[in-house]
Amino acid sequence: MRPAIEAFNALSAEDQLILADAIERKFSAGAPIPAFDEVIAEARLWASWASLAELRAYLLASWEALPDLNRSKFLAFADNDRRAAA
């Protein structure tokens, strides 16, 4: 792994960005597909393939799109789910 990091660091900043972008695209799941059956099952399947960057982006976008009442209900659901898992 060390030679790969050294090779990456030897690149210009522009080439580092190009390489990082190519790596991101290689390991990303792409946009979620439309759910035709069970929405939550499709979402979980997509999330299992998604990169961390994709998960963060779609989580934030989804959170911002939720109406305030749904945000409160979601936080209560997530808190109950977390407590049940503990």
C-alpha atoms as a PDB file:
ATOM      1  CA  MET A   1       0.000   0.000   0.000  1.00  0.00           C
ATOM      2  CA  ARG A   2       2.849   2.372   0.778  1.00  0.00           C
ATOM      3  CA  PRO A   3       4.154   2.460  -2.839  1.00  0.00           C
ATOM      4  CA  ALA A   4       0.654   3.354  -4.039  1.00  0.00           C
ATOM      5  CA  ILE A   5       0.436   6.235  -1.570  1.00  0.00           C
ATOM      6  CA  GLU A   6       3.911   7.439  -2.537  1.00  0.00           C
ATOM      7  CA  ALA A   7       2.949   7.287  -6.224  1.00  0.00           C
ATOM      8  CA  PHE A   8      -0.250   9.213  -5.513  1.00  0.00           C
ATOM      9  CA  ASN A   9       1.646  11.877  -3.568  1.00  0.00           C
ATOM     10  CA  ALA A  10       4.107  12.249  -6.465  1.00  0.00           C
ATOM     11  CA  LEU A  11       1.265  13.308  -8.784  1.00  0.00           C
ATOM     12  CA  SER A  12       0.342  16.925  -9.363  1.00  0.00           C
ATOM     13  CA  ALA A  13      -2.693  18.182  -7.455  1.00  0.00           C
ATOM     14  CA  GLU A  14      -4.722  18.157 -10.675  1.00  0.00           C
ATOM     15  CA  ASP A  15      -3.770  14.542 -11.424  1.00  0.00           C
ATOM     16  CA  GLN A  16      -4.559  13.552  -7.821  1.00  0.00           C
ATOM     17  CA  LEU A  17      -8.068  14.942  -8.266  1.00  0.00           C
ATOM     18  CA  ILE A  18      -8.526  13.110 -11.564  1.00  0.00           C
ATOM     19  CA  LEU A  19      -7.388   9.830 -10.011  1.00  0.00           C
ATOM     20  CA  ALA A  20      -9.499  10.308  -6.880  1.00  0.00           C
ATOM     21  CA  ASP A  21     -12.547  11.021  -9.043  1.00  0.00           C
ATOM     22  CA  ALA A  22     -11.914   7.873 -11.117  1.00  0.00           C
ATOM     23  CA  ILE A  23     -11.603   5.766  -7.963  1.00  0.00           C
ATOM     24  CA  GLU A  24     -14.805   7.259  -6.557  1.00  0.00           C
ATOM     25  CA  ARG A  25     -16.691   6.434  -9.773  1.00  0.00           C
ATOM     26  CA  LYS A  26     -15.334   2.880  -9.811  1.00  0.00           C
ATOM     27  CA  PHE A  27     -16.556   2.133  -6.305  1.00  0.00           C
ATOM     28  CA  SER A  28     -19.823   4.078  -6.312  1.00  0.00           C
ATOM     29  CA  ALA A  29     -23.259   2.561  -6.729  1.00  0.00           C
ATOM     30  CA  GLY A  30     -24.603   5.400  -8.837  1.00  0.00           C
ATOM     31  CA  ALA A  31     -28.018   6.909  -8.343  1.00  0.00           C
ATOM     32  CA  PRO A  32     -30.669   4.768  -6.656  1.00  0.00           C
ATOM     33  CA  ILE A  33     -32.985   3.021  -9.101  1.00  0.00           C
ATOM     34  CA  PRO A  34     -36.742   3.579  -8.912  1.00  0.00           C
ATOM     35  CA  ALA A  35     -38.407   1.216  -6.450  1.00  0.00           C
ATOM     36  CA  PHE A  36     -41.064  -0.925  -8.128  1.00  0.00           C
ATOM     37  CA  ASP A  37     -41.793  -3.271  -5.246  1.00  0.00           C
ATOM     38  CA  GLU A  38     -40.814  -2.738  -1.632  1.00  0.00           C
ATOM     39  CA  VAL A  39     -39.361   0.766  -1.325  1.00  0.00           C
ATOM     40  CA  ILE A  40     -37.434   0.061   1.878  1.00  0.00           C
ATOM     41  CA  ALA A  41     -35.990  -3.175   0.472  1.00  0.00           C
ATOM     42  CA  GLU A  42     -34.822  -1.376  -2.664  1.00  0.00           C
ATOM     43  CA  ALA A  43     -33.338   1.432  -0.561  1.00  0.00           C
ATOM     44  CA  ARG A  44     -31.482  -1.030   1.657  1.00  0.00           C
ATOM     45  CA  LEU A  45     -30.121  -2.875  -1.361  1.00  0.00           C
ATOM     46  CA  TRP A  46     -28.863   0.345  -2.933  1.00  0.00           C
ATOM     47  CA  ALA A  47     -27.352   1.451   0.397  1.00  0.00           C
ATOM     48  CA  SER A  48     -25.427  -1.821   0.640  1.00  0.00           C
ATOM     49  CA  TRP A  49     -23.680  -0.942  -2.664  1.00  0.00           C
ATOM     50  CA  ALA A  50     -23.251   2.798  -2.100  1.00  0.00           C
ATOM     51  CA  SER A  51     -19.992   4.482  -1.210  1.00  0.00           C
ATOM     52  CA  LEU A  52     -19.719   6.501   1.974  1.00  0.00           C
ATOM     53  CA  ALA A  53     -19.847   9.716  -0.047  1.00  0.00           C
ATOM     54  CA  GLU A  54     -23.096   8.581  -1.722  1.00  0.00           C
ATOM     55  CA  LEU A  55     -24.645   7.547   1.586  1.00  0.00           C
ATOM     56  CA  ARG A  56     -23.838  10.925   3.120  1.00  0.00           C
ATOM     57  CA  ALA A  57     -25.114  12.866   0.098  1.00  0.00           C
ATOM     58  CA  TYR A  58     -28.431  11.015  -0.174  1.00  0.00           C
ATOM     59  CA  LEU A  59     -28.922  11.056   3.601  1.00  0.00           C
ATOM     60  CA  LEU A  60     -28.470  14.812   3.719  1.00  0.00           C
ATOM     61  CA  ALA A  61     -30.657  15.414   0.666  1.00  0.00           C
ATOM     62  CA  SER A  62     -33.373  13.143   2.054  1.00  0.00           C
ATOM     63  CA  TRP A  63     -33.228  14.799   5.470  1.00  0.00           C
ATOM     64  CA  GLU A  64     -33.512  18.262   3.915  1.00  0.00           C
ATOM     65  CA  ALA A  65     -36.517  17.139   1.853  1.00  0.00           C
ATOM     66  CA  LEU A  66     -38.455  15.819   4.863  1.00  0.00           C
ATOM     67  CA  PRO A  67     -41.129  18.075   6.349  1.00  0.00           C
ATOM     68  CA  ASP A  68     -40.400  19.065   9.970  1.00  0.00           C
ATOM     69  CA  LEU A  69     -43.033  16.715  11.414  1.00  0.00           C
ATOM     70  CA  ASN A  70     -41.502  13.766   9.571  1.00  0.00           C
ATOM     71  CA  ARG A  71     -38.048  14.747  10.825  1.00  0.00           C
ATOM     72  CA  SER A  72     -39.265  14.575  14.419  1.00  0.00           C
ATOM     73  CA  LYS A  73     -40.949  11.213  13.829  1.00  0.00           C
ATOM     74  CA  PHE A  74     -37.839   9.865  12.131  1.00  0.00           C
ATOM     75  CA  LEU A  75     -35.588  10.946  15.008  1.00  0.00           C
ATOM     76  CA  ALA A  76     -37.929   9.246  17.500  1.00  0.00           C
ATOM     77  CA  PHE A  77     -37.938   6.077  15.358  1.00  0.00           C
ATOM     78  CA  ALA A  78     -34.134   6.078  15.041  1.00  0.00           C
ATOM     79  CA  ASP A  79     -33.727   6.650  18.790  1.00  0.00           C
ATOM     80  CA  ASN A  80     -36.077   3.758  19.609  1.00  0.00           C
ATOM     81  CA  ASP A  81     -34.282   1.525  17.082  1.00  0.00           C
ATOM     82  CA  ARG A  82     -30.899   2.459  18.603  1.00  0.00           C
ATOM     83  CA  ARG A  83     -32.121   1.716  22.130  1.00  0.00           C
ATOM     84  CA  ALA A  84     -33.566  -1.616  21.068  1.00  0.00           C
ATOM     85  CA  ALA A  85     -30.223  -2.597  19.533  1.00  0.00           C
ATOM     86  CA  ALA A  86     -28.290  -1.692  22.713  1.00  0.00           C
END
